[in-house]
Amino acid sequence: MTGANHALGQFDHSVLADWMKNQGIIEKAELSAKPLTGGQSNPTFLLTSGKQKLVLRKKPPGPLLPSAHAVDREYKVIKALQGSDVPVPKLFAYSDDISIVGTPFYLMEFLEGRVIVDQSLPGMSTSERTAIYMEMNRIIAALHQVDPEAVGLADFGRAGNYFGRQIARWSRQYQESRTEDIDALNSLIEWLPQNIPVGDQTTIVHGDYRLDNLVLHPTEPRAIGLLDWELATLGHPLADFAYHCMSWHIPASLWRGIGGLDLASLGIPSEEAYVKRYSDITGFSGIEHWDFYIAYNLFRMAAILQGIARRAVDGTAASADAIETGSKARPLAEIGWKYAQRYEASKR
């Protein structure tokens, strides 16, 4: 294998090819690999062997934050959801033998479809946009209605006090990966633990549910796969759903948002209508604390982006645009602090 290919693939393709043939996954020990774009975290590659196409997802090399990049957990939750109302890729294997590709990895089917980053869905009809948003809503509601125990995920996370544990976790991540001091993040770290709403629910949560983690059918307005399960755990469904709904609060000019767009003319539902549909499907209560959930998620996202900024500085980030992505931490934290203050005012 050439040095160029080694740099491209970060592993010896021939070793992986031999292992895959021995596992009965491919017919011949012949393999090419190329990096797939998307995701700031676990390196992902398209593998081709003859007519077969598969995806390899692996832990990145180098020193990592505790509990980060847990590809074994990704594999476990995707396996548990096979055959459910949540579309997930077919799986082929998981291995923690680092002699194969250098870090633990798993193999899944390659889904031929569309991955769209721009949530305004440019070039589509209003009816297509409406249908895709309803499909996104359907899938996250379906995920939150899966019984963790029934699919073997009763031990996938701790039940209860989800917000308390998550706020502590992401506060630590920010403090451990800090590249700059962000006043709004510091304020949220202090405010959030003191304002967690009463009451708790526990479901499977994706942790990073958004449009570009869905693979859409090549021509139809439906999803054929939900990807990037790295942050999945057992947690509060409204935390997960509110993360997905941050888009309505982030200006389109800032990053991955639809805030400020003429949604009605686009065929995109208002946040109020979108939340009501989810509530009608799931029957979950607690929507009255929506501003808290949005503030929490903007804090969490800012902490995640600070981690990406840290990896960019350290030279271990998986994506070339990691520096730019990491720079979004401050403005997102500032929007989050505004929602925290609005929630505070609503309780008076």
Protein backbone atom coordinates (compact mmCIF):
# COMPACT_ATOMS: atom_id res chain seq x y z
CA MET A 1 0.00 0.00 0.00
CA THR A 2 1.37 3.44 -0.90
CA GLY A 3 2.10 6.13 1.62
CA ALA A 4 -0.50 8.36 -0.03
CA ASN A 5 -3.20 5.73 0.41
CA HIS A 6 -2.13 5.18 3.97
CA ALA A 7 -2.54 8.88 4.72
CA LEU A 8 -5.91 8.90 2.96
CA GLY A 9 -7.30 5.87 4.74
CA GLN A 10 -5.36 6.05 8.02
CA PHE A 11 -5.04 2.27 7.99
CA ASP A 12 -3.65 -0.61 5.90
CA HIS A 13 -6.46 -1.58 3.55
CA SER A 14 -5.00 -5.03 2.91
CA VAL A 15 -5.18 -6.01 6.60
CA LEU A 16 -8.84 -4.94 6.75
CA ALA A 17 -9.59 -6.71 3.45
CA ASP A 18 -8.13 -10.01 4.76
CA TRP A 19 -10.16 -9.70 7.99
CA MET A 20 -13.40 -8.92 6.11
CA LYS A 21 -12.89 -11.91 3.80
CA ASN A 22 -12.24 -14.19 6.78
CA GLN A 23 -15.48 -12.90 8.35
CA GLY A 24 -17.39 -13.72 5.17
CA ILE A 25 -18.30 -10.06 4.59
CA ILE A 26 -16.58 -9.78 1.18
CA GLU A 27 -15.80 -12.46 -1.40
CA LYS A 28 -12.26 -11.40 -2.29
CA ALA A 29 -9.61 -9.73 -0.15
CA GLU A 30 -9.68 -6.65 -2.36
CA LEU A 31 -10.67 -3.30 -0.96
CA SER A 32 -10.51 0.41 -1.66
CA ALA A 33 -11.37 3.07 0.91
CA LYS A 34 -12.06 6.78 0.78
CA PRO A 35 -13.05 9.19 3.55
CA LEU A 36 -16.69 10.23 3.71
CA THR A 37 -17.43 13.84 4.54
CA GLY A 38 -19.70 14.78 7.40
CA GLY A 39 -19.26 14.39 11.14
CA GLN A 40 -16.64 16.16 13.22
CA SER A 41 -15.82 13.16 15.31
CA ASN A 42 -15.45 9.53 14.33
CA PRO A 43 -13.60 9.08 11.01
CA THR A 44 -15.91 7.44 8.46
CA PHE A 45 -14.92 5.70 5.22
CA LEU A 46 -16.65 4.29 2.15
CA LEU A 47 -15.30 0.81 1.44
CA THR A 48 -15.66 -0.75 -2.00
CA SER A 49 -14.99 -4.40 -2.80
CA GLY A 50 -16.17 -5.47 -6.23
CA LYS A 51 -19.82 -4.43 -6.41
CA GLN A 52 -20.15 -4.23 -2.63
CA LYS A 53 -20.19 -0.88 -0.82
CA LEU A 54 -19.92 -0.64 2.94
CA VAL A 55 -19.22 2.07 5.50
CA LEU A 56 -16.51 1.82 8.16
CA ARG A 57 -16.76 4.04 11.23
CA LYS A 58 -13.86 4.08 13.68
CA LYS A 59 -12.54 5.83 16.72
CA PRO A 60 -10.06 8.60 15.87
CA PRO A 61 -6.42 8.14 16.85
CA GLY A 62 -4.71 10.08 19.59
CA PRO A 63 -5.71 11.16 23.12
CA LEU A 64 -9.48 11.50 23.57
CA LEU A 65 -11.80 12.95 26.21
CA PRO A 66 -13.29 10.32 28.55
CA SER A 67 -16.42 8.58 27.14
CA ALA A 68 -15.99 10.26 23.74
CA HIS A 69 -16.06 8.48 20.37
CA ALA A 70 -17.72 5.31 21.73
CA VAL A 71 -18.26 3.42 18.47
CA ASP A 72 -19.21 0.30 20.45
CA ARG A 73 -22.24 2.17 21.82
CA GLU A 74 -23.16 3.37 18.33
CA TYR A 75 -23.09 -0.22 17.12
CA LYS A 76 -25.17 -1.42 20.06
CA VAL A 77 -28.01 1.09 19.60
CA ILE A 78 -28.16 0.68 15.80
CA LYS A 79 -28.34 -3.10 16.28
CA ALA A 80 -31.11 -2.73 18.86
CA LEU A 81 -33.22 -0.61 16.49
CA GLN A 82 -33.07 -3.02 13.53
CA GLY A 83 -36.66 -3.64 12.39
CA SER A 84 -38.14 -0.75 14.40
CA ASP A 85 -40.00 2.32 13.06
CA VAL A 86 -36.66 4.16 13.22
CA PRO A 87 -34.79 3.64 9.93
CA VAL A 88 -31.21 2.48 10.58
CA PRO A 89 -28.54 0.89 8.38
CA LYS A 90 -27.92 -2.85 8.30
CA LEU A 91 -24.84 -3.84 10.33
CA PHE A 92 -22.10 -6.31 9.40
CA ALA A 93 -19.54 -6.40 12.22
CA TYR A 94 -17.92 -4.68 15.19
CA SER A 95 -14.33 -5.19 16.31
CA ASP A 96 -12.16 -3.71 19.05
CA ASP A 97 -9.03 -5.41 17.65
CA ILE A 98 -6.78 -2.40 17.07
CA SER A 99 -4.42 -4.41 14.83
CA ILE A 100 -6.96 -4.19 11.99
CA VAL A 101 -7.48 -0.44 11.43
CA GLY A 102 -5.68 1.02 14.46
CA THR A 103 -8.75 1.72 16.61
CA PRO A 104 -12.11 -0.01 17.33
CA PHE A 105 -14.56 0.12 14.41
CA TYR A 106 -17.79 -1.19 12.96
CA LEU A 107 -19.09 -1.90 9.47
CA MET A 108 -22.54 -1.06 8.12
CA GLU A 109 -24.31 -0.88 4.77
CA PHE A 110 -23.81 2.12 2.51
CA LEU A 111 -27.14 3.88 1.98
CA GLU A 112 -27.66 5.32 -1.50
CA GLY A 113 -29.58 8.51 -0.88
CA ARG A 114 -29.47 12.23 -0.18
CA VAL A 115 -27.82 13.95 2.78
CA ILE A 116 -28.91 17.59 2.96
CA VAL A 117 -27.27 20.12 5.27
CA ASP A 118 -29.30 23.23 4.38
CA GLN A 119 -32.51 22.95 6.40
CA SER A 120 -34.32 25.41 4.14
CA LEU A 121 -34.24 22.55 1.57
CA PRO A 122 -33.37 24.69 -1.47
CA GLY A 123 -34.73 23.64 -4.85
CA MET A 124 -37.64 21.65 -3.41
CA SER A 125 -41.36 22.26 -3.68
CA THR A 126 -43.31 23.46 -0.65
CA SER A 127 -45.05 20.06 -0.43
CA GLU A 128 -41.69 18.23 -0.44
CA ARG A 129 -40.37 20.45 2.35
CA THR A 130 -43.49 19.88 4.43
CA ALA A 131 -43.26 16.11 3.90
CA ILE A 132 -39.57 15.97 4.89
CA TYR A 133 -40.19 17.96 8.08
CA MET A 134 -43.12 15.68 8.97
CA GLU A 135 -40.86 12.68 8.35
CA MET A 136 -38.20 14.10 10.68
CA ASN A 137 -40.89 14.64 13.29
CA ARG A 138 -42.23 11.09 12.85
CA ILE A 139 -38.82 9.47 13.28
CA ILE A 140 -37.81 11.25 16.49
CA ALA A 141 -41.25 10.62 17.98
CA ALA A 142 -40.91 6.93 17.00
CA LEU A 143 -37.45 6.72 18.61
CA HIS A 144 -38.74 8.18 21.87
CA GLN A 145 -41.54 5.61 21.95
CA VAL A 146 -39.23 2.58 21.70
CA ASP A 147 -39.13 0.69 25.01
CA PRO A 148 -35.40 0.49 25.93
CA GLU A 149 -35.89 -2.73 27.91
CA ALA A 150 -37.76 -4.44 25.07
CA VAL A 151 -34.84 -3.88 22.65
CA GLY A 152 -32.06 -4.76 25.10
CA LEU A 153 -31.04 -1.21 25.99
CA ALA A 154 -32.14 -1.09 29.63
CA ASP A 155 -28.46 -0.65 30.60
CA PHE A 156 -27.65 1.88 27.86
CA GLY A 157 -27.63 4.78 30.33
CA ARG A 158 -28.81 5.79 33.76
CA ALA A 159 -32.46 6.64 34.32
CA GLY A 160 -33.36 9.91 36.03
CA ASN A 161 -31.61 13.24 36.65
CA TYR A 162 -30.65 13.43 32.97
CA PHE A 163 -30.36 17.21 32.88
CA GLY A 164 -28.25 17.32 36.03
CA ARG A 165 -25.82 14.72 34.73
CA GLN A 166 -25.61 16.20 31.24
CA ILE A 167 -25.08 19.75 32.48
CA ALA A 168 -22.22 18.48 34.66
CA ARG A 169 -20.75 16.48 31.77
CA TRP A 170 -20.77 19.30 29.22
CA SER A 171 -19.59 21.83 31.81
CA ARG A 172 -16.56 19.58 32.37
CA GLN A 173 -16.02 19.21 28.62
CA TYR A 174 -15.99 22.98 28.17
CA GLN A 175 -13.62 23.46 31.09
CA GLU A 176 -11.27 20.67 29.91
CA SER A 177 -11.24 21.78 26.27
CA ARG A 178 -11.41 25.55 26.73
CA THR A 179 -9.60 27.58 24.08
CA GLU A 180 -11.16 30.91 25.14
CA ASP A 181 -13.30 32.25 27.97
CA ILE A 182 -16.97 32.55 26.95
CA ASP A 183 -19.00 34.64 29.42
CA ALA A 184 -22.41 33.31 28.29
CA LEU A 185 -21.23 29.71 28.72
CA ASN A 186 -19.94 30.48 32.19
CA SER A 187 -23.32 32.06 33.05
CA LEU A 188 -25.22 29.02 31.74
CA ILE A 189 -22.98 26.63 33.68
CA GLU A 190 -23.99 28.45 36.86
CA TRP A 191 -27.68 29.00 35.98
CA LEU A 192 -28.78 25.69 34.44
CA PRO A 193 -28.33 23.35 37.46
CA GLN A 194 -30.42 25.70 39.61
CA ASN A 195 -33.35 25.80 37.18
CA ILE A 196 -33.93 22.19 36.09
CA PRO A 197 -37.71 21.65 35.74
CA VAL A 198 -39.43 19.26 38.15
CA GLY A 199 -40.37 15.86 36.71
CA ASP A 200 -38.42 13.35 34.65
CA GLN A 201 -38.87 10.95 31.74
CA THR A 202 -36.45 8.41 30.28
CA THR A 203 -36.31 7.14 26.70
CA ILE A 204 -33.64 6.31 24.12
CA VAL A 205 -32.24 9.62 22.86
CA HIS A 206 -30.16 10.13 19.72
CA GLY A 207 -28.24 13.10 21.08
CA ASP A 208 -27.52 14.68 17.67
CA TYR A 209 -30.81 14.45 15.78
CA ARG A 210 -30.86 16.79 12.79
CA LEU A 211 -31.57 16.79 9.08
CA ASP A 212 -28.04 16.06 7.91
CA ASN A 213 -27.81 12.95 10.08
CA LEU A 214 -30.67 11.48 8.05
CA VAL A 215 -30.17 9.80 4.68
CA LEU A 216 -33.18 10.62 2.52
CA HIS A 217 -34.50 8.38 -0.25
CA PRO A 218 -32.97 9.43 -3.63
CA THR A 219 -36.28 10.83 -4.91
CA GLU A 220 -38.96 10.44 -2.24
CA PRO A 221 -39.46 12.72 0.83
CA ARG A 222 -38.72 9.97 3.35
CA ALA A 223 -35.67 8.86 5.31
CA ILE A 224 -33.96 5.51 4.73
CA GLY A 225 -31.44 5.79 7.56
CA LEU A 226 -30.59 7.73 10.71
CA LEU A 227 -26.83 7.96 11.29
CA ASP A 228 -24.27 9.32 13.80
CA TRP A 229 -25.40 7.68 17.04
CA GLU A 230 -22.24 8.61 18.94
CA LEU A 231 -24.10 10.64 21.60
CA ALA A 232 -27.03 8.23 22.01
CA THR A 233 -27.97 7.17 25.54
CA LEU A 234 -30.98 6.91 27.81
CA GLY A 235 -32.24 10.39 28.59
CA HIS A 236 -35.02 12.93 28.62
CA PRO A 237 -36.96 12.90 25.32
CA LEU A 238 -37.74 16.62 25.43
CA ALA A 239 -34.03 17.41 25.74
CA ASP A 240 -33.45 15.39 22.57
CA PHE A 241 -36.41 16.92 20.73
CA ALA A 242 -35.51 20.49 21.77
CA TYR A 243 -31.97 19.93 20.45
CA HIS A 244 -33.54 19.10 17.09
CA CYS A 245 -35.68 22.26 17.33
CA MET A 246 -32.74 24.60 17.95
CA SER A 247 -32.84 25.25 14.19
CA TRP A 248 -35.82 27.55 14.63
CA HIS A 249 -33.76 29.66 17.07
CA ILE A 250 -30.46 29.85 15.18
CA PRO A 251 -30.31 32.47 12.41
CA ALA A 252 -29.78 30.98 8.95
CA SER A 253 -26.86 33.41 8.55
CA LEU A 254 -25.07 31.98 11.61
CA TRP A 255 -25.01 28.20 11.30
CA ARG A 256 -27.39 25.45 10.25
CA GLY A 257 -30.49 27.37 11.31
CA ILE A 258 -33.79 28.42 9.77
CA GLY A 259 -34.31 31.38 12.13
CA GLY A 260 -35.46 34.51 10.31
CA LEU A 261 -36.61 32.69 7.14
CA ASP A 262 -40.14 32.98 5.73
CA LEU A 263 -41.11 29.47 6.80
CA ALA A 264 -44.72 29.63 5.62
CA SER A 265 -43.71 30.43 2.04
CA LEU A 266 -41.15 27.60 2.13
CA GLY A 267 -43.64 25.04 3.38
CA ILE A 268 -41.67 24.54 6.62
CA PRO A 269 -43.86 24.31 9.74
CA SER A 270 -43.58 26.84 12.53
CA GLU A 271 -41.85 25.62 15.67
CA GLU A 272 -45.18 25.79 17.51
CA ALA A 273 -46.88 23.52 14.96
CA TYR A 274 -43.89 21.17 14.88
CA VAL A 275 -43.79 20.83 18.67
CA LYS A 276 -47.56 20.27 18.81
CA ARG A 277 -47.34 17.44 16.28
CA TYR A 278 -44.61 15.73 18.32
CA SER A 279 -46.62 16.22 21.54
CA ASP A 280 -49.77 14.81 19.91
CA ILE A 281 -47.88 11.68 18.77
CA THR A 282 -45.99 11.01 22.01
CA GLY A 283 -48.37 12.43 24.61
CA PHE A 284 -45.39 13.76 26.58
CA SER A 285 -45.91 16.61 29.03
CA GLY A 286 -43.45 19.34 30.01
CA ILE A 287 -43.61 21.58 26.94
CA GLU A 288 -44.22 24.54 29.29
CA HIS A 289 -40.48 24.40 30.11
CA TRP A 290 -39.52 24.81 26.43
CA ASP A 291 -37.30 27.87 26.95
CA PHE A 292 -35.24 25.92 29.51
CA TYR A 293 -34.82 23.01 27.08
CA ILE A 294 -33.69 25.39 24.32
CA ALA A 295 -31.25 27.20 26.65
CA TYR A 296 -29.84 23.85 27.82
CA ASN A 297 -29.34 22.61 24.27
CA LEU A 298 -27.64 25.78 23.07
CA PHE A 299 -25.30 25.45 26.08
CA ARG A 300 -24.66 21.79 25.21
CA MET A 301 -24.03 22.59 21.55
CA ALA A 302 -21.64 25.38 22.48
CA ALA A 303 -19.72 22.97 24.73
CA ILE A 304 -19.54 20.38 21.92
CA LEU A 305 -18.25 23.02 19.50
CA GLN A 306 -15.66 24.09 22.06
CA GLY A 307 -14.47 20.47 22.05
CA ILE A 308 -14.15 20.62 18.26
CA ALA A 309 -12.20 23.88 18.56
CA ARG A 310 -9.85 22.19 21.03
CA ARG A 311 -9.27 19.26 18.68
CA ALA A 312 -8.59 21.72 15.84
CA VAL A 313 -5.91 23.38 17.97
CA ASP A 314 -4.47 19.97 18.90
CA GLY A 315 -4.55 18.78 15.27
CA THR A 316 -6.82 15.77 15.93
CA ALA A 317 -10.12 17.05 14.44
CA ALA A 318 -11.63 14.81 11.75
CA SER A 319 -12.94 17.66 9.61
CA ALA A 320 -11.09 20.37 7.71
CA ASP A 321 -13.59 23.05 8.76
CA ALA A 322 -13.19 22.30 12.47
CA ILE A 323 -11.75 25.74 13.29
CA GLU A 324 -14.68 27.54 11.69
CA THR A 325 -17.19 25.17 13.31
CA GLY A 326 -15.60 25.62 16.72
CA SER A 327 -15.90 29.39 16.39
CA LYS A 328 -19.72 29.08 16.58
CA ALA A 329 -19.53 28.19 20.30
CA ARG A 330 -19.66 31.79 21.52
CA PRO A 331 -22.68 33.05 19.48
CA LEU A 332 -24.69 29.90 20.28
CA ALA A 333 -23.96 30.26 24.00
CA GLU A 334 -25.07 33.90 23.82
CA ILE A 335 -28.41 32.91 22.24
CA GLY A 336 -28.78 30.22 24.92
CA TRP A 337 -28.27 32.76 27.70
CA LYS A 338 -31.07 34.90 26.23
CA TYR A 339 -33.47 31.93 26.46
CA ALA A 340 -32.32 31.24 30.02
CA GLN A 341 -33.20 34.80 30.95
CA ARG A 342 -36.58 34.50 29.19
CA TYR A 343 -37.35 31.30 31.12
CA GLU A 344 -36.35 33.02 34.34
CA ALA A 345 -38.72 35.91 33.58
CA SER A 346 -41.60 33.53 32.77
CA LYS A 347 -41.44 31.99 36.27
CA ARG A 348 -41.88 35.31 38.08
